[in-house]
Every structure is written in C-alpha cells, then in structure tokens.
C-alpha cells in the first residue's frame, strides 16, 4: 500500500507502508484522553468508535468519551497463548500511564512482564511525567525485557525525553510519529545517558493527515546515523527502507 504525504513548500514525500517493528500487540486496556497535538487524529479512538470509550464526531472524526478501562482477560490469559518469543507493543488502544489507571493494575501488568522473560514488552507514552513519578514512587525492579518510549511530535515536547532518560530501562526509545514539525534530537543521542532507538514517520491512517516535510525525516535519520543510534520508519525515505532495531 502506498500513500503520499503533502509537505510544506509543495514537497511530496512518496512513502510505502511496511510492517510494523513489533510482532503483536498486547491490549491491556482501552480508552484515553487527548493531551497534545499528536493526539488530534488518534487512530486508536477511531478504531474504538461505538464502544464505551470512544464516539464519532460531527466532522467524521473520533473522540474519547473519558472512560479508561483495563481489559482484564488480556492481562492474565493472553500471555499464556504466545508460543514463541515476541516483540509486543503494550497498550496500543490506551496510554499505560494514563492518570485513571490505579497502581494495582499497573503492578499486575508488570508482574506479567517479569514472568514472561522470553518476550520483549515495549511501552510508549505521552505522559512521561506520570511515568517518571510512578517509577520514583514505587519500589520497582525494571526488567531487561521492558523497552520504554515516549512520543515526541514537535520540539515543544522534547521534555518528555528528559523524563525518559531518568528511567534506567535497558532500551529507551523516542517515537517521532506523527512527525508534525522539525524535532532536534542530536543532544539526546550522544553520551553515556542517551536514547537507544528512534522511530519516525508522517501521520497516516486518518482521513486528513497533517503535512510532514521530508527534510524533518532526513534530519532525524542523519542525526541517528552520525550518533550510531538505530533508526526505524515503516515508510520508505528517499526510496530506502530503514528498519534498524536496538
């Protein structure tokens, strides 16, 4: 499947949708609330329309209702059905560090992560402050099979990376998707306390994706290359695939 992202100054970015970096998704909960520009065209909300957690808007979009709920059967049952080691994206239909999730729920999820060490569990959040506060507040041993990431859609949200780098995860990553403006990552890619992996890409999967300038993508790719940090995009950039992993 191919798509074209219209960028400023009439630049057209021809990209092709490819496989995601993960093998599967672990749907431990559903529901969220929008907190920054990257949330505007939330594909998770659109996929959950006509459920208690999301509803359609008059303009054809989707919005969260404010209900955030665990999916109990996924927490205990699903891990027993995975026959081989997998890379799993945790909570694609929610934000694990949403304020409405209680500590007891989070502890149960982490118990599974500790128990199934053959799998890699990747967490991603826009609520980096809540995440950091939780790790500081809870006496917690972070397992090596947990990857922790934050979304950074513009430079205005780079402070999320500062929170991320205060957490001693084996792999800490930044997802610049949807990339809505230039994001300067260079200072976060160098030194002993640096980001381990970067994912980037334009907005897609919605009716009216916002522009992404190919130069923004190139800068992130080139900064990662110079720093020796793996770079991944599910799209083709300048006709080339970039599928590097930590």
C-alpha atoms as a PDB file:
ATOM      1  CA  UNK A   1       0.000   0.000   0.000  1.00  0.00           C
ATOM      2  CA  UNK A   2       1.413   3.428  -0.874  1.00  0.00           C
ATOM      3  CA  UNK A   3       0.482   6.892   0.261  1.00  0.00           C
ATOM      4  CA  UNK A   4       1.643  10.426  -0.384  1.00  0.00           C
ATOM      5  CA  UNK A   5       2.232  12.921   2.402  1.00  0.00           C
ATOM      6  CA  UNK A   6       1.850  16.534   1.320  1.00  0.00           C
ATOM      7  CA  UNK A   7       4.508  18.689   2.877  1.00  0.00           C
ATOM      8  CA  UNK A   8       5.143  22.444   3.046  1.00  0.00           C
ATOM      9  CA  UNK A   9       6.613  24.188   0.007  1.00  0.00           C
ATOM     10  CA  UNK A  10       4.936  21.656  -2.274  1.00  0.00           C
ATOM     11  CA  UNK A  11       7.341  18.877  -1.353  1.00  0.00           C
ATOM     12  CA  UNK A  12       5.775  15.465  -1.872  1.00  0.00           C
ATOM     13  CA  UNK A  13       7.019  12.537   0.148  1.00  0.00           C
ATOM     14  CA  UNK A  14       6.340   9.226  -1.544  1.00  0.00           C
ATOM     15  CA  UNK A  15       6.304   6.557   1.130  1.00  0.00           C
ATOM     16  CA  UNK A  16       5.166   2.966   1.290  1.00  0.00           C
ATOM     17  CA  UNK A  17       3.514   1.404   4.291  1.00  0.00           C
ATOM     18  CA  UNK A  18       5.514  -1.548   5.578  1.00  0.00           C
ATOM     19  CA  UNK A  19       5.370  -3.925   8.501  1.00  0.00           C
ATOM     20  CA  UNK A  20       5.490  -2.522  11.999  1.00  0.00           C
ATOM     21  CA  UNK A  21       8.525  -3.180  14.187  1.00  0.00           C
ATOM     22  CA  UNK A  22       6.551  -5.345  16.605  1.00  0.00           C
ATOM     23  CA  UNK A  23       5.253  -8.908  16.249  1.00  0.00           C
ATOM     24  CA  UNK A  24       1.981  -8.280  18.046  1.00  0.00           C
ATOM     25  CA  UNK A  25       0.028  -6.029  20.389  1.00  0.00           C
ATOM     26  CA  UNK A  26      -0.874  -6.685  23.984  1.00  0.00           C
ATOM     27  CA  UNK A  27      -4.215  -4.922  24.522  1.00  0.00           C
ATOM     28  CA  UNK A  28      -4.147  -4.490  28.286  1.00  0.00           C
ATOM     29  CA  UNK A  29      -6.624  -1.601  28.285  1.00  0.00           C
ATOM     30  CA  UNK A  30      -8.676   0.771  26.178  1.00  0.00           C
ATOM     31  CA  UNK A  31      -9.584   4.441  26.314  1.00  0.00           C
ATOM     32  CA  UNK A  32      -7.571   7.618  26.716  1.00  0.00           C
ATOM     33  CA  UNK A  33      -7.798  11.428  26.606  1.00  0.00           C
ATOM     34  CA  UNK A  34      -6.035  13.781  24.218  1.00  0.00           C
ATOM     35  CA  UNK A  35      -3.201  15.833  25.711  1.00  0.00           C
ATOM     36  CA  UNK A  36      -1.061  17.177  22.838  1.00  0.00           C
ATOM     37  CA  UNK A  37      -1.095  17.840  19.049  1.00  0.00           C
ATOM     38  CA  UNK A  38      -0.035  14.275  18.268  1.00  0.00           C
ATOM     39  CA  UNK A  39      -3.387  13.104  19.661  1.00  0.00           C
ATOM     40  CA  UNK A  40      -5.598  15.104  17.288  1.00  0.00           C
ATOM     41  CA  UNK A  41      -6.154  12.355  14.707  1.00  0.00           C
ATOM     42  CA  UNK A  42      -5.884   9.420  17.093  1.00  0.00           C
ATOM     43  CA  UNK A  43      -6.293   6.181  15.152  1.00  0.00           C
ATOM     44  CA  UNK A  44      -6.947   4.249  18.353  1.00  0.00           C
ATOM     45  CA  UNK A  45     -10.020   6.376  19.120  1.00  0.00           C
ATOM     46  CA  UNK A  46     -11.238   5.949  15.542  1.00  0.00           C
ATOM     47  CA  UNK A  47     -10.941   2.166  15.794  1.00  0.00           C
ATOM     48  CA  UNK A  48     -12.999   2.118  19.019  1.00  0.00           C
ATOM     49  CA  UNK A  49     -15.990   4.221  17.882  1.00  0.00           C
ATOM     50  CA  UNK A  50     -19.305   2.866  19.203  1.00  0.00           C
ATOM     51  CA  UNK A  51     -17.661   1.365  22.270  1.00  0.00           C
ATOM     52  CA  UNK A  52     -17.946   2.903  25.751  1.00  0.00           C
ATOM     53  CA  UNK A  53     -14.541   4.616  25.373  1.00  0.00           C
ATOM     54  CA  UNK A  54     -14.924   6.472  22.037  1.00  0.00           C
ATOM     55  CA  UNK A  55     -17.541   8.100  19.829  1.00  0.00           C
ATOM     56  CA  UNK A  56     -17.814   9.710  16.404  1.00  0.00           C
ATOM     57  CA  UNK A  57     -17.712  13.472  15.978  1.00  0.00           C
ATOM     58  CA  UNK A  58     -19.899  15.547  13.654  1.00  0.00           C
ATOM     59  CA  UNK A  59     -16.981  16.173  11.277  1.00  0.00           C
ATOM     60  CA  UNK A  60     -16.272  12.482  10.767  1.00  0.00           C
ATOM     61  CA  UNK A  61     -13.533  12.203  13.358  1.00  0.00           C
ATOM     62  CA  UNK A  62     -13.414  10.432  16.691  1.00  0.00           C
ATOM     63  CA  UNK A  63     -13.098  11.463  20.299  1.00  0.00           C
ATOM     64  CA  UNK A  64     -12.568   9.693  23.574  1.00  0.00           C
ATOM     65  CA  UNK A  65     -15.502   9.689  25.999  1.00  0.00           C
ATOM     66  CA  UNK A  66     -13.226   9.918  29.046  1.00  0.00           C
ATOM     67  CA  UNK A  67     -13.715   6.293  30.071  1.00  0.00           C
ATOM     68  CA  UNK A  68     -10.435   4.409  30.565  1.00  0.00           C
ATOM     69  CA  UNK A  69     -10.631   0.743  31.473  1.00  0.00           C
ATOM     70  CA  UNK A  70      -8.378  -2.317  31.806  1.00  0.00           C
ATOM     71  CA  UNK A  71      -9.114  -5.369  29.662  1.00  0.00           C
ATOM     72  CA  UNK A  72      -8.846  -7.957  32.392  1.00  0.00           C
ATOM     73  CA  UNK A  73      -8.833 -11.083  30.243  1.00  0.00           C
ATOM     74  CA  UNK A  74      -5.796  -9.839  28.313  1.00  0.00           C
ATOM     75  CA  UNK A  75      -3.690  -9.385  31.416  1.00  0.00           C
ATOM     76  CA  UNK A  76      -3.856 -12.975  32.620  1.00  0.00           C
ATOM     77  CA  UNK A  77      -4.916 -15.108  29.663  1.00  0.00           C
ATOM     78  CA  UNK A  78      -3.211 -13.763  26.545  1.00  0.00           C
ATOM     79  CA  UNK A  79       0.439 -14.251  27.627  1.00  0.00           C
ATOM     80  CA  UNK A  80      -0.135 -17.987  28.059  1.00  0.00           C
ATOM     81  CA  UNK A  81      -1.085 -18.251  24.366  1.00  0.00           C
ATOM     82  CA  UNK A  82       2.162 -16.835  22.908  1.00  0.00           C
ATOM     83  CA  UNK A  83       4.110 -19.863  21.658  1.00  0.00           C
ATOM     84  CA  UNK A  84       7.426 -18.198  20.788  1.00  0.00           C
ATOM     85  CA  UNK A  85       9.465 -15.134  21.821  1.00  0.00           C
ATOM     86  CA  UNK A  86       7.770 -11.975  20.527  1.00  0.00           C
ATOM     87  CA  UNK A  87       8.240  -8.215  20.498  1.00  0.00           C
ATOM     88  CA  UNK A  88       4.967  -6.879  21.898  1.00  0.00           C
ATOM     89  CA  UNK A  89       3.604  -3.343  21.798  1.00  0.00           C
ATOM     90  CA  UNK A  90       1.813  -2.796  25.101  1.00  0.00           C
ATOM     91  CA  UNK A  91      -1.471  -0.890  25.206  1.00  0.00           C
ATOM     92  CA  UNK A  92      -1.901   0.386  21.650  1.00  0.00           C
ATOM     93  CA  UNK A  93      -5.507   1.352  22.458  1.00  0.00           C
ATOM     94  CA  UNK A  94      -4.659   3.333  25.581  1.00  0.00           C
ATOM     95  CA  UNK A  95      -1.817   5.018  27.460  1.00  0.00           C
ATOM     96  CA  UNK A  96      -0.489   2.746  30.194  1.00  0.00           C
ATOM     97  CA  UNK A  97       0.442   5.777  32.302  1.00  0.00           C
ATOM     98  CA  UNK A  98      -2.955   7.436  31.990  1.00  0.00           C
ATOM     99  CA  UNK A  99      -3.920   9.032  35.284  1.00  0.00           C
ATOM    100  CA  UNK A 100      -7.013   6.851  35.635  1.00  0.00           C
ATOM    101  CA  UNK A 101      -5.128   3.571  35.885  1.00  0.00           C
ATOM    102  CA  UNK A 102      -4.519   2.548  39.513  1.00  0.00           C
ATOM    103  CA  UNK A 103      -1.222   1.256  40.847  1.00  0.00           C
ATOM    104  CA  UNK A 104      -2.710  -2.206  41.376  1.00  0.00           C
ATOM    105  CA  UNK A 105      -3.484  -2.519  37.653  1.00  0.00           C
ATOM    106  CA  UNK A 106      -0.005  -1.390  36.644  1.00  0.00           C
ATOM    107  CA  UNK A 107       1.590  -3.815  39.087  1.00  0.00           C
ATOM    108  CA  UNK A 108      -0.359  -6.730  37.582  1.00  0.00           C
ATOM    109  CA  UNK A 109       0.826  -5.816  34.104  1.00  0.00           C
ATOM    110  CA  UNK A 110       4.423  -5.614  35.290  1.00  0.00           C
ATOM    111  CA  UNK A 111       4.073  -8.971  37.040  1.00  0.00           C
ATOM    112  CA  UNK A 112       3.381 -10.497  33.618  1.00  0.00           C
ATOM    113  CA  UNK A 113       6.397  -8.724  32.105  1.00  0.00           C
ATOM    114  CA  UNK A 114       8.596 -10.143  34.880  1.00  0.00           C
ATOM    115  CA  UNK A 115       7.133 -13.624  34.472  1.00  0.00           C
ATOM    116  CA  UNK A 116       7.429 -13.949  30.687  1.00  0.00           C
ATOM    117  CA  UNK A 117      11.066 -13.049  30.178  1.00  0.00           C
ATOM    118  CA  UNK A 118      11.214 -14.657  26.732  1.00  0.00           C
ATOM    119  CA  UNK A 119       9.143 -11.781  25.334  1.00  0.00           C
ATOM    120  CA  UNK A 120      10.061  -8.128  24.816  1.00  0.00           C
ATOM    121  CA  UNK A 121       7.411  -5.669  26.048  1.00  0.00           C
ATOM    122  CA  UNK A 122       7.530  -2.138  24.607  1.00  0.00           C
ATOM    123  CA  UNK A 123       5.689   0.639  26.454  1.00  0.00           C
ATOM    124  CA  UNK A 124       5.015   4.027  24.828  1.00  0.00           C
ATOM    125  CA  UNK A 125       3.555   7.137  26.450  1.00  0.00           C
ATOM    126  CA  UNK A 126       2.921  10.843  26.066  1.00  0.00           C
ATOM    127  CA  UNK A 127       2.504  11.051  29.845  1.00  0.00           C
ATOM    128  CA  UNK A 128       6.192  10.943  30.652  1.00  0.00           C
ATOM    129  CA  UNK A 129       5.879  12.909  33.898  1.00  0.00           C
ATOM    130  CA  UNK A 130       3.293  10.480  35.249  1.00  0.00           C
ATOM    131  CA  UNK A 131       5.537   7.599  34.187  1.00  0.00           C
ATOM    132  CA  UNK A 132       8.620   9.018  35.907  1.00  0.00           C
ATOM    133  CA  UNK A 133       6.670   9.859  39.059  1.00  0.00           C
ATOM    134  CA  UNK A 134       5.369   6.292  39.202  1.00  0.00           C
ATOM    135  CA  UNK A 135       8.831   4.766  38.899  1.00  0.00           C
ATOM    136  CA  UNK A 136      10.133   7.125  41.595  1.00  0.00           C
ATOM    137  CA  UNK A 137       7.218   6.407  43.915  1.00  0.00           C
ATOM    138  CA  UNK A 138       7.021   2.634  43.545  1.00  0.00           C
ATOM    139  CA  UNK A 139       9.741   0.275  44.793  1.00  0.00           C
ATOM    140  CA  UNK A 140      10.260  -1.415  41.463  1.00  0.00           C
ATOM    141  CA  UNK A 141      12.816  -3.590  39.698  1.00  0.00           C
ATOM    142  CA  UNK A 142      12.712  -2.736  35.994  1.00  0.00           C
ATOM    143  CA  UNK A 143      13.215  -5.953  33.983  1.00  0.00           C
ATOM    144  CA  UNK A 144      15.563  -6.114  30.989  1.00  0.00           C
ATOM    145  CA  UNK A 145      12.784  -7.293  28.654  1.00  0.00           C
ATOM    146  CA  UNK A 146      10.930  -3.958  29.023  1.00  0.00           C
ATOM    147  CA  UNK A 147      11.513  -1.205  26.473  1.00  0.00           C
ATOM    148  CA  UNK A 148      10.296   2.261  27.487  1.00  0.00           C
ATOM    149  CA  UNK A 149       9.469   5.001  24.977  1.00  0.00           C
ATOM    150  CA  UNK A 150       7.932   8.454  24.649  1.00  0.00           C
ATOM    151  CA  UNK A 151       6.221  10.184  21.743  1.00  0.00           C
ATOM    152  CA  UNK A 152       7.735  13.498  20.600  1.00  0.00           C
ATOM    153  CA  UNK A 153       5.797  15.046  17.730  1.00  0.00           C
ATOM    154  CA  UNK A 154       7.431  18.520  17.798  1.00  0.00           C
ATOM    155  CA  UNK A 155      10.303  20.253  19.595  1.00  0.00           C
ATOM    156  CA  UNK A 156       7.788  21.580  22.127  1.00  0.00           C
ATOM    157  CA  UNK A 157       7.575  18.080  23.612  1.00  0.00           C
ATOM    158  CA  UNK A 158      11.253  17.146  23.822  1.00  0.00           C
ATOM    159  CA  UNK A 159      10.995  17.490  27.612  1.00  0.00           C
ATOM    160  CA  UNK A 160       9.413  14.047  27.566  1.00  0.00           C
ATOM    161  CA  UNK A 161      12.840  12.677  26.643  1.00  0.00           C
ATOM    162  CA  UNK A 162      14.348  14.232  29.783  1.00  0.00           C
ATOM    163  CA  UNK A 163      11.862  12.236  31.839  1.00  0.00           C
ATOM    164  CA  UNK A 164      12.606   9.103  29.819  1.00  0.00           C
ATOM    165  CA  UNK A 165      16.358   9.341  30.362  1.00  0.00           C
ATOM    166  CA  UNK A 166      15.806   9.399  34.122  1.00  0.00           C
ATOM    167  CA  UNK A 167      14.480   5.823  33.900  1.00  0.00           C
ATOM    168  CA  UNK A 168      17.132   3.052  33.758  1.00  0.00           C
ATOM    169  CA  UNK A 169      15.452   0.856  31.143  1.00  0.00           C
ATOM    170  CA  UNK A 170      17.606  -1.432  29.009  1.00  0.00           C
ATOM    171  CA  UNK A 171      16.149   0.168  25.863  1.00  0.00           C
ATOM    172  CA  UNK A 172      14.787   3.731  25.866  1.00  0.00           C
ATOM    173  CA  UNK A 173      13.284   4.960  22.631  1.00  0.00           C
ATOM    174  CA  UNK A 174      11.658   8.017  21.074  1.00  0.00           C
ATOM    175  CA  UNK A 175       8.811   7.827  18.581  1.00  0.00           C
ATOM    176  CA  UNK A 176       8.521  10.919  16.361  1.00  0.00           C
ATOM    177  CA  UNK A 177       5.262   9.813  14.783  1.00  0.00           C
ATOM    178  CA  UNK A 178       3.221  11.652  13.789  1.00  0.00           C
ATOM    179  CA  UNK A 179       6.099  13.994  12.961  1.00  0.00           C
ATOM    180  CA  UNK A 180       4.398  17.400  12.830  1.00  0.00           C
ATOM    181  CA  UNK A 181       7.441  19.714  12.777  1.00  0.00           C
ATOM    182  CA  UNK A 182      11.211  19.576  12.947  1.00  0.00           C
ATOM    183  CA  UNK A 183      12.487  17.723  16.029  1.00  0.00           C
ATOM    184  CA  UNK A 184      16.090  18.283  17.139  1.00  0.00           C
ATOM    185  CA  UNK A 185      17.312  15.096  18.798  1.00  0.00           C
ATOM    186  CA  UNK A 186      21.086  15.371  18.475  1.00  0.00           C
ATOM    187  CA  UNK A 187      21.833  16.157  22.137  1.00  0.00           C
ATOM    188  CA  UNK A 188      19.751  13.173  23.234  1.00  0.00           C
ATOM    189  CA  UNK A 189      21.649  10.742  21.002  1.00  0.00           C
ATOM    190  CA  UNK A 190      25.153  11.229  22.376  1.00  0.00           C
ATOM    191  CA  UNK A 191      26.935  10.483  25.625  1.00  0.00           C
ATOM    192  CA  UNK A 192      26.609   7.799  28.268  1.00  0.00           C
ATOM    193  CA  UNK A 193      22.950   8.571  29.001  1.00  0.00           C
ATOM    194  CA  UNK A 194      21.398   8.607  25.548  1.00  0.00           C
ATOM    195  CA  UNK A 195      18.374   7.389  23.635  1.00  0.00           C
ATOM    196  CA  UNK A 196      18.834   3.843  22.305  1.00  0.00           C
ATOM    197  CA  UNK A 197      16.417   3.888  19.367  1.00  0.00           C
ATOM    198  CA  UNK A 198      14.357   6.344  17.296  1.00  0.00           C
ATOM    199  CA  UNK A 199      11.180   5.714  15.290  1.00  0.00           C
ATOM    200  CA  UNK A 200       9.863   8.411  12.955  1.00  0.00           C
ATOM    201  CA  UNK A 201       7.169   8.851  10.364  1.00  0.00           C
ATOM    202  CA  UNK A 202       4.399  11.069   8.993  1.00  0.00           C
ATOM    203  CA  UNK A 203       0.829  10.981  10.184  1.00  0.00           C
ATOM    204  CA  UNK A 204      -1.210   8.338   8.407  1.00  0.00           C
ATOM    205  CA  UNK A 205      -4.251   6.131   8.869  1.00  0.00           C
ATOM    206  CA  UNK A 206      -6.654   9.090   9.130  1.00  0.00           C
ATOM    207  CA  UNK A 207      -8.821  10.979   6.647  1.00  0.00           C
ATOM    208  CA  UNK A 208      -6.848  14.224   6.669  1.00  0.00           C
ATOM    209  CA  UNK A 209      -3.210  13.616   7.674  1.00  0.00           C
ATOM    210  CA  UNK A 210      -1.228  16.714   8.539  1.00  0.00           C
ATOM    211  CA  UNK A 211       1.842  17.683   6.469  1.00  0.00           C
ATOM    212  CA  UNK A 212       5.256  16.177   7.070  1.00  0.00           C
ATOM    213  CA  UNK A 213       8.304  17.716   5.406  1.00  0.00           C
ATOM    214  CA  UNK A 214      10.802  15.172   4.091  1.00  0.00           C
ATOM    215  CA  UNK A 215      13.605  17.348   5.471  1.00  0.00           C
ATOM    216  CA  UNK A 216      12.377  16.740   9.018  1.00  0.00           C
ATOM    217  CA  UNK A 217      12.623  12.997   8.446  1.00  0.00           C
ATOM    218  CA  UNK A 218      16.063  13.270   6.864  1.00  0.00           C
ATOM    219  CA  UNK A 219      17.426  15.288   9.773  1.00  0.00           C
ATOM    220  CA  UNK A 220      16.348  12.649  12.293  1.00  0.00           C
ATOM    221  CA  UNK A 221      17.736   9.849  10.146  1.00  0.00           C
ATOM    222  CA  UNK A 222      21.056  11.637   9.608  1.00  0.00           C
ATOM    223  CA  UNK A 223      21.439  12.550  13.294  1.00  0.00           C
ATOM    224  CA  UNK A 224      20.819   8.924  14.246  1.00  0.00           C
ATOM    225  CA  UNK A 225      23.304   7.690  11.655  1.00  0.00           C
ATOM    226  CA  UNK A 226      26.000  10.070  12.883  1.00  0.00           C
ATOM    227  CA  UNK A 227      25.435   9.074  16.516  1.00  0.00           C
ATOM    228  CA  UNK A 228      25.193   5.353  15.755  1.00  0.00           C
ATOM    229  CA  UNK A 229      21.628   5.119  17.076  1.00  0.00           C
ATOM    230  CA  UNK A 230      19.262   2.676  15.306  1.00  0.00           C
ATOM    231  CA  UNK A 231      16.594   4.421  13.197  1.00  0.00           C
ATOM    232  CA  UNK A 232      13.298   2.872  12.111  1.00  0.00           C
ATOM    233  CA  UNK A 233      10.483   4.036   9.876  1.00  0.00           C
ATOM    234  CA  UNK A 234       7.676   1.941   8.481  1.00  0.00           C
ATOM    235  CA  UNK A 235       7.805   4.088   5.346  1.00  0.00           C
ATOM    236  CA  UNK A 236      10.347   4.469   2.556  1.00  0.00           C
ATOM    237  CA  UNK A 237      12.536   7.551   2.955  1.00  0.00           C
ATOM    238  CA  UNK A 238      14.270   8.705  -0.236  1.00  0.00           C
ATOM    239  CA  UNK A 239      13.386   5.323  -1.711  1.00  0.00           C
ATOM    240  CA  UNK A 240      15.219   3.419   1.017  1.00  0.00           C
ATOM    241  CA  UNK A 241      13.957   1.228   3.834  1.00  0.00           C
ATOM    242  CA  UNK A 242      15.210   1.925   7.360  1.00  0.00           C
ATOM    243  CA  UNK A 243      14.439  -0.974   9.688  1.00  0.00           C
ATOM    244  CA  UNK A 244      17.155  -0.762  12.305  1.00  0.00           C
ATOM    245  CA  UNK A 245      16.416  -2.186  15.735  1.00  0.00           C
ATOM    246  CA  UNK A 246      18.173  -1.879  19.119  1.00  0.00           C
END
